[in-house]
């Protein structure tokens, strides 16, 4: 199975990684267990390094105890299988005493970004209506969302983003993604590296991936601090916006970079809207 194809099924990268891990566990007789049980017993952690998107699994360490085997040998079996399936999209390595590190390549990041800004997020249920503990945090999240919307609308007026139709009168009652043309853009340069490669861009992408994991992956998020999650994205967006120019010289001389940065704005808006509406039970304003 190709990772690029799998992204269309798994919007949450964490779910995609679990899918590859699950296929490699068959020889350890875990294929008969329910996926939810396996996920609970063998957690997968996202690394905190903002420069790369890395997931860490301790499955080999857990399996070594139940199978009385060397964890490094088990990790080697699992990583060899995953590498054979997805060697162009994941960097897989083993770290003693048996941790499995799975790092996303820029190619897979590009596919995920294109998918998110074309399809959006899957439905994740009704609003939870949680109590807002810190109104200042909520305002910061709403401000970031409104800022993303205003910049996308400005880009549309200047012909940098194409809409499927002229801006309708009822556009405020619709999702912004439904208006934006789902066109393919070049996320990668000639060396197969992300065009959006500034540290602030990398950090924002990492924050968005982690947020989508948390929003739609079937874990128990009881007690999850959704305000903190939204604030982290908002701060990453502000850092991106302050350090990564879209208009001016970039617009004139680097049109592909402009397109990629505008799509990153759209990705941020999509995630913030989902968080505001479905988790915080609030309004996702187009303007403030």
C-alpha atoms as a PDB file:
ATOM      1  CA  UNK A   1       0.000   0.000   0.000  1.00  0.00           C
ATOM      2  CA  UNK A   2       1.312   3.439  -0.899  1.00  0.00           C
ATOM      3  CA  UNK A   3       1.411   6.127   1.762  1.00  0.00           C
ATOM      4  CA  UNK A   4       0.162   8.753  -0.680  1.00  0.00           C
ATOM      5  CA  UNK A   5      -2.992   6.727  -1.293  1.00  0.00           C
ATOM      6  CA  UNK A   6      -3.464   5.985   2.393  1.00  0.00           C
ATOM      7  CA  UNK A   7      -3.523   9.682   3.294  1.00  0.00           C
ATOM      8  CA  UNK A   8      -6.833   9.992   1.449  1.00  0.00           C
ATOM      9  CA  UNK A   9      -8.310   7.529   3.957  1.00  0.00           C
ATOM     10  CA  UNK A  10      -6.555   8.669   7.122  1.00  0.00           C
ATOM     11  CA  UNK A  11      -6.668  12.426   7.626  1.00  0.00           C
ATOM     12  CA  UNK A  12      -4.985  11.962  10.992  1.00  0.00           C
ATOM     13  CA  UNK A  13      -1.339  11.047  10.460  1.00  0.00           C
ATOM     14  CA  UNK A  14      -1.340   9.174  13.757  1.00  0.00           C
ATOM     15  CA  UNK A  15      -4.033   6.853  12.425  1.00  0.00           C
ATOM     16  CA  UNK A  16      -2.019   6.313   9.242  1.00  0.00           C
ATOM     17  CA  UNK A  17       1.082   5.352  11.243  1.00  0.00           C
ATOM     18  CA  UNK A  18      -0.952   2.986  13.399  1.00  0.00           C
ATOM     19  CA  UNK A  19      -2.245   1.352  10.233  1.00  0.00           C
ATOM     20  CA  UNK A  20       1.281   0.488   9.155  1.00  0.00           C
ATOM     21  CA  UNK A  21       2.235  -0.706  12.619  1.00  0.00           C
ATOM     22  CA  UNK A  22      -0.831  -2.946  12.801  1.00  0.00           C
ATOM     23  CA  UNK A  23       0.009  -4.683   9.523  1.00  0.00           C
ATOM     24  CA  UNK A  24       3.455  -5.553  10.896  1.00  0.00           C
ATOM     25  CA  UNK A  25       2.149  -7.083  14.133  1.00  0.00           C
ATOM     26  CA  UNK A  26       0.374 -10.068  12.550  1.00  0.00           C
ATOM     27  CA  UNK A  27       3.244 -12.432  13.236  1.00  0.00           C
ATOM     28  CA  UNK A  28       2.925 -11.629  16.921  1.00  0.00           C
ATOM     29  CA  UNK A  29      -0.726 -12.796  16.894  1.00  0.00           C
ATOM     30  CA  UNK A  30      -2.161  -9.346  17.510  1.00  0.00           C
ATOM     31  CA  UNK A  31      -4.239  -9.280  14.329  1.00  0.00           C
ATOM     32  CA  UNK A  32      -7.156 -10.880  16.187  1.00  0.00           C
ATOM     33  CA  UNK A  33      -7.337  -8.157  18.786  1.00  0.00           C
ATOM     34  CA  UNK A  34      -9.553  -5.140  18.288  1.00  0.00           C
ATOM     35  CA  UNK A  35      -7.714  -2.107  17.005  1.00  0.00           C
ATOM     36  CA  UNK A  36      -8.932  -0.018  19.953  1.00  0.00           C
ATOM     37  CA  UNK A  37      -7.368  -2.474  22.415  1.00  0.00           C
ATOM     38  CA  UNK A  38      -4.053  -2.472  20.566  1.00  0.00           C
ATOM     39  CA  UNK A  39      -3.982   1.324  20.469  1.00  0.00           C
ATOM     40  CA  UNK A  40      -4.620   1.465  24.205  1.00  0.00           C
ATOM     41  CA  UNK A  41      -1.905  -1.089  24.988  1.00  0.00           C
ATOM     42  CA  UNK A  42       0.712   0.244  22.569  1.00  0.00           C
ATOM     43  CA  UNK A  43       0.538   4.064  22.578  1.00  0.00           C
ATOM     44  CA  UNK A  44       2.168   6.107  19.841  1.00  0.00           C
ATOM     45  CA  UNK A  45       3.782   9.411  20.769  1.00  0.00           C
ATOM     46  CA  UNK A  46       4.407  12.445  18.576  1.00  0.00           C
ATOM     47  CA  UNK A  47       7.832  13.999  19.090  1.00  0.00           C
ATOM     48  CA  UNK A  48       8.143  17.619  20.185  1.00  0.00           C
ATOM     49  CA  UNK A  49      10.828  18.665  17.705  1.00  0.00           C
ATOM     50  CA  UNK A  50       9.125  21.363  15.618  1.00  0.00           C
ATOM     51  CA  UNK A  51      11.667  20.955  12.805  1.00  0.00           C
ATOM     52  CA  UNK A  52      10.346  17.508  11.882  1.00  0.00           C
ATOM     53  CA  UNK A  53       7.262  15.363  12.334  1.00  0.00           C
ATOM     54  CA  UNK A  54       8.322  12.288  14.280  1.00  0.00           C
ATOM     55  CA  UNK A  55       6.302   9.522  15.909  1.00  0.00           C
ATOM     56  CA  UNK A  56       7.745   7.182  18.536  1.00  0.00           C
ATOM     57  CA  UNK A  57       6.456   3.695  19.311  1.00  0.00           C
ATOM     58  CA  UNK A  58       7.416   1.438  22.180  1.00  0.00           C
ATOM     59  CA  UNK A  59       5.624  -1.584  20.753  1.00  0.00           C
ATOM     60  CA  UNK A  60       8.817  -3.651  20.472  1.00  0.00           C
ATOM     61  CA  UNK A  61       9.575  -3.070  24.154  1.00  0.00           C
ATOM     62  CA  UNK A  62       6.070  -4.200  25.123  1.00  0.00           C
ATOM     63  CA  UNK A  63       6.103  -7.233  22.813  1.00  0.00           C
ATOM     64  CA  UNK A  64       9.520  -8.320  24.069  1.00  0.00           C
ATOM     65  CA  UNK A  65       8.041  -8.946  27.514  1.00  0.00           C
ATOM     66  CA  UNK A  66       5.063 -10.996  26.314  1.00  0.00           C
ATOM     67  CA  UNK A  67       7.132 -12.974  23.778  1.00  0.00           C
ATOM     68  CA  UNK A  68      10.337 -13.252  25.838  1.00  0.00           C
ATOM     69  CA  UNK A  69      12.371 -11.859  22.944  1.00  0.00           C
ATOM     70  CA  UNK A  70      15.007  -9.209  22.346  1.00  0.00           C
ATOM     71  CA  UNK A  71      13.236  -5.854  21.766  1.00  0.00           C
ATOM     72  CA  UNK A  72      15.837  -4.783  19.192  1.00  0.00           C
ATOM     73  CA  UNK A  73      15.140  -7.932  17.149  1.00  0.00           C
ATOM     74  CA  UNK A  74      11.388  -7.346  17.296  1.00  0.00           C
ATOM     75  CA  UNK A  75      11.882  -3.695  16.341  1.00  0.00           C
ATOM     76  CA  UNK A  76      13.998  -4.808  13.380  1.00  0.00           C
ATOM     77  CA  UNK A  77      11.214  -7.102  12.120  1.00  0.00           C
ATOM     78  CA  UNK A  78       8.601  -4.357  12.416  1.00  0.00           C
ATOM     79  CA  UNK A  79      10.711  -1.602  10.868  1.00  0.00           C
ATOM     80  CA  UNK A  80      11.823  -3.813   7.979  1.00  0.00           C
ATOM     81  CA  UNK A  81       8.195  -4.505   7.123  1.00  0.00           C
ATOM     82  CA  UNK A  82       7.187  -0.842   7.312  1.00  0.00           C
ATOM     83  CA  UNK A  83      10.196   0.298   5.300  1.00  0.00           C
ATOM     84  CA  UNK A  84       9.342  -2.195   2.563  1.00  0.00           C
ATOM     85  CA  UNK A  85       5.820  -0.823   2.326  1.00  0.00           C
ATOM     86  CA  UNK A  86       6.528   2.891   2.624  1.00  0.00           C
ATOM     87  CA  UNK A  87      10.232   3.521   2.216  1.00  0.00           C
ATOM     88  CA  UNK A  88       9.810   6.719   0.170  1.00  0.00           C
ATOM     89  CA  UNK A  89       7.474   8.377   2.648  1.00  0.00           C
ATOM     90  CA  UNK A  90       8.751   7.418   6.081  1.00  0.00           C
ATOM     91  CA  UNK A  91      12.214   7.427   7.602  1.00  0.00           C
ATOM     92  CA  UNK A  92      12.175   4.474   9.970  1.00  0.00           C
ATOM     93  CA  UNK A  93      14.923   3.712  12.477  1.00  0.00           C
ATOM     94  CA  UNK A  94      15.467   1.898  15.752  1.00  0.00           C
ATOM     95  CA  UNK A  95      16.752   3.606  18.889  1.00  0.00           C
ATOM     96  CA  UNK A  96      18.053   1.468  21.773  1.00  0.00           C
ATOM     97  CA  UNK A  97      16.769  -0.302  23.720  1.00  0.00           C
ATOM     98  CA  UNK A  98      13.984  -0.858  21.162  1.00  0.00           C
ATOM     99  CA  UNK A  99      12.128   2.364  20.385  1.00  0.00           C
ATOM    100  CA  UNK A 100      10.834   2.712  16.831  1.00  0.00           C
ATOM    101  CA  UNK A 101      11.106   6.193  15.309  1.00  0.00           C
ATOM    102  CA  UNK A 102       8.958   7.004  12.280  1.00  0.00           C
ATOM    103  CA  UNK A 103       9.655  10.373  10.672  1.00  0.00           C
ATOM    104  CA  UNK A 104       7.516  11.794   7.880  1.00  0.00           C
ATOM    105  CA  UNK A 105       9.279  12.734   4.669  1.00  0.00           C
ATOM    106  CA  UNK A 106       8.501  16.025   2.948  1.00  0.00           C
ATOM    107  CA  UNK A 107       6.692  14.053   0.252  1.00  0.00           C
ATOM    108  CA  UNK A 108       4.185  12.689   2.742  1.00  0.00           C
ATOM    109  CA  UNK A 109       3.827  16.095   4.406  1.00  0.00           C
ATOM    110  CA  UNK A 110       3.036  17.607   1.000  1.00  0.00           C
ATOM    111  CA  UNK A 111       0.406  14.950   0.316  1.00  0.00           C
ATOM    112  CA  UNK A 112      -1.191  15.537   3.715  1.00  0.00           C
ATOM    113  CA  UNK A 113      -1.288  19.312   3.258  1.00  0.00           C
ATOM    114  CA  UNK A 114      -2.823  18.974  -0.199  1.00  0.00           C
ATOM    115  CA  UNK A 115      -5.431  16.546   1.133  1.00  0.00           C
ATOM    116  CA  UNK A 116      -6.351  18.752   4.107  1.00  0.00           C
ATOM    117  CA  UNK A 117      -6.735  21.891   1.969  1.00  0.00           C
ATOM    118  CA  UNK A 118      -8.757  20.052  -0.669  1.00  0.00           C
ATOM    119  CA  UNK A 119     -11.008  17.791   1.398  1.00  0.00           C
ATOM    120  CA  UNK A 120     -10.905  19.299   4.876  1.00  0.00           C
ATOM    121  CA  UNK A 121     -11.585  17.372   8.072  1.00  0.00           C
ATOM    122  CA  UNK A 122     -14.004  14.508   8.493  1.00  0.00           C
ATOM    123  CA  UNK A 123     -17.117  15.115  10.529  1.00  0.00           C
ATOM    124  CA  UNK A 124     -16.272  14.705  14.197  1.00  0.00           C
ATOM    125  CA  UNK A 125     -19.661  15.057  15.815  1.00  0.00           C
ATOM    126  CA  UNK A 126     -21.643  17.772  17.489  1.00  0.00           C
ATOM    127  CA  UNK A 127     -20.237  20.493  19.666  1.00  0.00           C
ATOM    128  CA  UNK A 128     -19.208  19.357  23.107  1.00  0.00           C
ATOM    129  CA  UNK A 129     -20.124  22.717  24.585  1.00  0.00           C
ATOM    130  CA  UNK A 130     -17.262  22.738  27.080  1.00  0.00           C
ATOM    131  CA  UNK A 131     -17.037  25.480  29.642  1.00  0.00           C
ATOM    132  CA  UNK A 132     -14.680  28.251  28.576  1.00  0.00           C
ATOM    133  CA  UNK A 133     -12.189  28.663  31.392  1.00  0.00           C
ATOM    134  CA  UNK A 134     -10.081  31.434  29.861  1.00  0.00           C
ATOM    135  CA  UNK A 135     -11.977  33.904  27.612  1.00  0.00           C
ATOM    136  CA  UNK A 136      -8.690  35.536  26.589  1.00  0.00           C
ATOM    137  CA  UNK A 137      -7.529  32.252  25.067  1.00  0.00           C
ATOM    138  CA  UNK A 138     -10.805  31.854  23.205  1.00  0.00           C
ATOM    139  CA  UNK A 139     -10.459  35.362  21.785  1.00  0.00           C
ATOM    140  CA  UNK A 140      -6.903  34.620  20.634  1.00  0.00           C
ATOM    141  CA  UNK A 141      -8.123  31.497  18.805  1.00  0.00           C
ATOM    142  CA  UNK A 142     -11.032  33.376  17.234  1.00  0.00           C
ATOM    143  CA  UNK A 143      -8.735  36.234  16.222  1.00  0.00           C
ATOM    144  CA  UNK A 144      -6.317  33.853  14.488  1.00  0.00           C
ATOM    145  CA  UNK A 145      -9.222  32.220  12.654  1.00  0.00           C
ATOM    146  CA  UNK A 146     -10.644  35.566  11.556  1.00  0.00           C
ATOM    147  CA  UNK A 147      -7.186  36.714  10.450  1.00  0.00           C
ATOM    148  CA  UNK A 148      -6.760  33.599   8.290  1.00  0.00           C
ATOM    149  CA  UNK A 149     -10.157  34.233   6.705  1.00  0.00           C
ATOM    150  CA  UNK A 150      -9.452  37.897   5.938  1.00  0.00           C
ATOM    151  CA  UNK A 151      -6.098  37.050   4.343  1.00  0.00           C
ATOM    152  CA  UNK A 152      -7.644  34.318   2.185  1.00  0.00           C
ATOM    153  CA  UNK A 153     -10.395  36.688   1.043  1.00  0.00           C
ATOM    154  CA  UNK A 154      -7.781  39.335   0.257  1.00  0.00           C
ATOM    155  CA  UNK A 155      -5.834  36.785  -1.767  1.00  0.00           C
ATOM    156  CA  UNK A 156      -9.005  35.903  -3.673  1.00  0.00           C
ATOM    157  CA  UNK A 157      -9.659  39.543  -4.525  1.00  0.00           C
ATOM    158  CA  UNK A 158      -6.090  39.861  -5.833  1.00  0.00           C
ATOM    159  CA  UNK A 159      -6.387  36.700  -7.916  1.00  0.00           C
ATOM    160  CA  UNK A 160      -3.945  34.651  -5.844  1.00  0.00           C
ATOM    161  CA  UNK A 161      -6.578  32.113  -4.771  1.00  0.00           C
ATOM    162  CA  UNK A 162      -9.347  30.899  -7.045  1.00  0.00           C
ATOM    163  CA  UNK A 163     -12.898  30.388  -5.765  1.00  0.00           C
ATOM    164  CA  UNK A 164     -15.317  27.939  -7.346  1.00  0.00           C
ATOM    165  CA  UNK A 165     -17.806  30.775  -7.846  1.00  0.00           C
ATOM    166  CA  UNK A 166     -18.085  34.522  -7.278  1.00  0.00           C
ATOM    167  CA  UNK A 167     -18.323  35.301  -3.579  1.00  0.00           C
ATOM    168  CA  UNK A 168     -22.000  34.603  -2.776  1.00  0.00           C
ATOM    169  CA  UNK A 169     -24.116  36.743  -0.479  1.00  0.00           C
ATOM    170  CA  UNK A 170     -24.472  33.891   2.001  1.00  0.00           C
ATOM    171  CA  UNK A 171     -20.731  33.112   2.151  1.00  0.00           C
ATOM    172  CA  UNK A 172     -20.598  33.732   5.905  1.00  0.00           C
ATOM    173  CA  UNK A 173     -22.931  30.803   6.489  1.00  0.00           C
ATOM    174  CA  UNK A 174     -20.683  28.421   4.536  1.00  0.00           C
ATOM    175  CA  UNK A 175     -17.266  26.945   5.195  1.00  0.00           C
ATOM    176  CA  UNK A 176     -14.480  28.835   3.500  1.00  0.00           C
ATOM    177  CA  UNK A 177     -13.091  25.579   2.118  1.00  0.00           C
ATOM    178  CA  UNK A 178     -16.303  25.024   0.142  1.00  0.00           C
ATOM    179  CA  UNK A 179     -15.570  28.218  -1.775  1.00  0.00           C
ATOM    180  CA  UNK A 180     -11.874  27.647  -2.487  1.00  0.00           C
ATOM    181  CA  UNK A 181     -10.980  25.762  -5.657  1.00  0.00           C
ATOM    182  CA  UNK A 182      -9.366  22.417  -4.779  1.00  0.00           C
ATOM    183  CA  UNK A 183      -6.464  22.833  -7.172  1.00  0.00           C
ATOM    184  CA  UNK A 184      -3.169  20.972  -6.920  1.00  0.00           C
ATOM    185  CA  UNK A 185      -0.228  23.190  -6.055  1.00  0.00           C
ATOM    186  CA  UNK A 186       3.513  22.409  -6.060  1.00  0.00           C
ATOM    187  CA  UNK A 187       4.365  21.856  -2.393  1.00  0.00           C
ATOM    188  CA  UNK A 188       7.810  20.459  -3.196  1.00  0.00           C
ATOM    189  CA  UNK A 189      10.820  21.980  -4.943  1.00  0.00           C
ATOM    190  CA  UNK A 190      13.049  20.227  -7.469  1.00  0.00           C
ATOM    191  CA  UNK A 191      14.926  18.510  -4.632  1.00  0.00           C
ATOM    192  CA  UNK A 192      11.685  17.035  -3.219  1.00  0.00           C
ATOM    193  CA  UNK A 193      11.791  19.348  -0.212  1.00  0.00           C
ATOM    194  CA  UNK A 194       8.865  21.350   1.108  1.00  0.00           C
ATOM    195  CA  UNK A 195       8.710  24.849  -0.313  1.00  0.00           C
ATOM    196  CA  UNK A 196       7.357  25.988   3.057  1.00  0.00           C
ATOM    197  CA  UNK A 197      10.592  25.163   4.850  1.00  0.00           C
ATOM    198  CA  UNK A 198      11.056  28.145   7.189  1.00  0.00           C
ATOM    199  CA  UNK A 199      11.241  27.120  10.886  1.00  0.00           C
ATOM    200  CA  UNK A 200       8.009  29.005  11.573  1.00  0.00           C
ATOM    201  CA  UNK A 201       6.317  27.148   8.721  1.00  0.00           C
ATOM    202  CA  UNK A 202       7.626  23.802   9.932  1.00  0.00           C
ATOM    203  CA  UNK A 203       6.413  24.553  13.441  1.00  0.00           C
ATOM    204  CA  UNK A 204       2.932  25.491  12.216  1.00  0.00           C
ATOM    205  CA  UNK A 205       2.676  22.331  10.115  1.00  0.00           C
ATOM    206  CA  UNK A 206       3.740  20.218  13.088  1.00  0.00           C
ATOM    207  CA  UNK A 207       1.158  21.933  15.313  1.00  0.00           C
ATOM    208  CA  UNK A 208      -1.587  21.340  12.736  1.00  0.00           C
ATOM    209  CA  UNK A 209      -0.738  17.654  12.380  1.00  0.00           C
ATOM    210  CA  UNK A 210      -0.781  17.192  16.151  1.00  0.00           C
ATOM    211  CA  UNK A 211      -4.103  19.024  16.404  1.00  0.00           C
ATOM    212  CA  UNK A 212      -5.729  16.913  13.692  1.00  0.00           C
ATOM    213  CA  UNK A 213      -4.467  13.777  15.444  1.00  0.00           C
ATOM    214  CA  UNK A 214      -6.144  14.950  18.625  1.00  0.00           C
ATOM    215  CA  UNK A 215      -9.335  16.148  16.937  1.00  0.00           C
ATOM    216  CA  UNK A 216     -10.241  13.079  14.923  1.00  0.00           C
ATOM    217  CA  UNK A 217      -8.185  10.110  16.106  1.00  0.00           C
ATOM    218  CA  UNK A 218     -10.356   7.764  18.199  1.00  0.00           C
ATOM    219  CA  UNK A 219      -8.666   8.223  21.551  1.00  0.00           C
ATOM    220  CA  UNK A 220     -10.190   9.086  24.881  1.00  0.00           C
ATOM    221  CA  UNK A 221      -9.702  12.842  25.174  1.00  0.00           C
ATOM    222  CA  UNK A 222     -11.510  13.225  28.470  1.00  0.00           C
ATOM    223  CA  UNK A 223      -9.874  16.106  30.276  1.00  0.00           C
ATOM    224  CA  UNK A 224      -8.225  17.397  27.091  1.00  0.00           C
ATOM    225  CA  UNK A 225      -7.407  21.108  27.315  1.00  0.00           C
ATOM    226  CA  UNK A 226      -8.857  22.249  23.994  1.00  0.00           C
ATOM    227  CA  UNK A 227      -8.230  25.916  24.814  1.00  0.00           C
ATOM    228  CA  UNK A 228      -4.502  25.210  25.218  1.00  0.00           C
ATOM    229  CA  UNK A 229      -4.452  23.274  21.951  1.00  0.00           C
ATOM    230  CA  UNK A 230      -6.111  26.153  20.114  1.00  0.00           C
ATOM    231  CA  UNK A 231      -3.807  28.703  21.704  1.00  0.00           C
ATOM    232  CA  UNK A 232      -0.725  26.735  20.621  1.00  0.00           C
ATOM    233  CA  UNK A 233      -1.947  26.783  17.014  1.00  0.00           C
ATOM    234  CA  UNK A 234      -2.794  30.478  17.241  1.00  0.00           C
ATOM    235  CA  UNK A 235       0.677  31.314  18.523  1.00  0.00           C
ATOM    236  CA  UNK A 236       2.293  29.191  15.814  1.00  0.00           C
ATOM    237  CA  UNK A 237       0.190  31.027  13.233  1.00  0.00           C
ATOM    238  CA  UNK A 238       1.216  34.442  14.593  1.00  0.00           C
ATOM    239  CA  UNK A 239       4.873  33.404  14.437  1.00  0.00           C
ATOM    240  CA  UNK A 240       4.403  32.213  10.857  1.00  0.00           C
ATOM    241  CA  UNK A 241       2.613  35.389   9.823  1.00  0.00           C
ATOM    242  CA  UNK A 242       5.248  37.645  11.365  1.00  0.00           C
ATOM    243  CA  UNK A 243       8.209  35.826   9.808  1.00  0.00           C
ATOM    244  CA  UNK A 244       6.947  34.513   6.450  1.00  0.00           C
ATOM    245  CA  UNK A 245       5.975  37.137   3.904  1.00  0.00           C
ATOM    246  CA  UNK A 246       3.260  36.438   1.336  1.00  0.00           C
ATOM    247  CA  UNK A 247       2.784  39.736  -0.427  1.00  0.00           C
ATOM    248  CA  UNK A 248       5.399  42.183  -1.732  1.00  0.00           C
ATOM    249  CA  UNK A 249       8.611  40.663  -3.068  1.00  0.00           C
ATOM    250  CA  UNK A 250       7.501  37.083  -2.420  1.00  0.00           C
ATOM    251  CA  UNK A 251       4.296  37.569  -4.404  1.00  0.00           C
ATOM    252  CA  UNK A 252       6.244  39.080  -7.309  1.00  0.00           C
ATOM    253  CA  UNK A 253       9.303  36.834  -7.454  1.00  0.00           C
ATOM    254  CA  UNK A 254       8.233  33.556  -5.830  1.00  0.00           C
ATOM    255  CA  UNK A 255       4.668  32.755  -6.920  1.00  0.00           C
ATOM    256  CA  UNK A 256       4.885  29.089  -5.920  1.00  0.00           C
ATOM    257  CA  UNK A 257       5.955  30.019  -2.399  1.00  0.00           C
ATOM    258  CA  UNK A 258       3.061  32.477  -2.232  1.00  0.00           C
ATOM    259  CA  UNK A 259       0.617  29.738  -3.230  1.00  0.00           C
ATOM    260  CA  UNK A 260       2.009  27.305  -0.661  1.00  0.00           C
ATOM    261  CA  UNK A 261       1.879  29.863   2.145  1.00  0.00           C
ATOM    262  CA  UNK A 262      -1.696  30.785   1.272  1.00  0.00           C
ATOM    263  CA  UNK A 263      -2.659  27.106   1.391  1.00  0.00           C
ATOM    264  CA  UNK A 264      -0.972  26.857   4.775  1.00  0.00           C
ATOM    265  CA  UNK A 265      -3.213  29.711   5.888  1.00  0.00           C
ATOM    266  CA  UNK A 266      -6.204  27.727   4.639  1.00  0.00           C
ATOM    267  CA  UNK A 267      -5.048  24.623   6.512  1.00  0.00           C
ATOM    268  CA  UNK A 268      -4.788  26.680   9.703  1.00  0.00           C
ATOM    269  CA  UNK A 269      -8.279  28.100   9.195  1.00  0.00           C
ATOM    270  CA  UNK A 270      -9.734  24.613   8.654  1.00  0.00           C
ATOM    271  CA  UNK A 271      -8.243  23.234  11.874  1.00  0.00           C
ATOM    272  CA  UNK A 272      -9.114  26.288  13.986  1.00  0.00           C
ATOM    273  CA  UNK A 273     -12.695  26.249  12.718  1.00  0.00           C
ATOM    274  CA  UNK A 274     -13.103  22.587  13.625  1.00  0.00           C
ATOM    275  CA  UNK A 275     -11.644  23.185  17.073  1.00  0.00           C
ATOM    276  CA  UNK A 276     -13.800  26.233  17.768  1.00  0.00           C
ATOM    277  CA  UNK A 277     -17.079  24.733  16.573  1.00  0.00           C
ATOM    278  CA  UNK A 278     -16.858  21.084  17.594  1.00  0.00           C
ATOM    279  CA  UNK A 279     -14.709  21.186  20.732  1.00  0.00           C
ATOM    280  CA  UNK A 280     -15.108  24.624  22.249  1.00  0.00           C
ATOM    281  CA  UNK A 281     -18.756  25.009  21.238  1.00  0.00           C
ATOM    282  CA  UNK A 282     -18.054  28.531  20.024  1.00  0.00           C
ATOM    283  CA  UNK A 283     -18.274  30.656  16.909  1.00  0.00           C
ATOM    284  CA  UNK A 284     -15.582  30.616  14.241  1.00  0.00           C
ATOM    285  CA  UNK A 285     -15.796  34.262  13.099  1.00  0.00           C
ATOM    286  CA  UNK A 286     -14.792  35.420   9.633  1.00  0.00           C
ATOM    287  CA  UNK A 287     -14.031  38.858  11.032  1.00  0.00           C
ATOM    288  CA  UNK A 288     -13.706  40.612  14.389  1.00  0.00           C
END
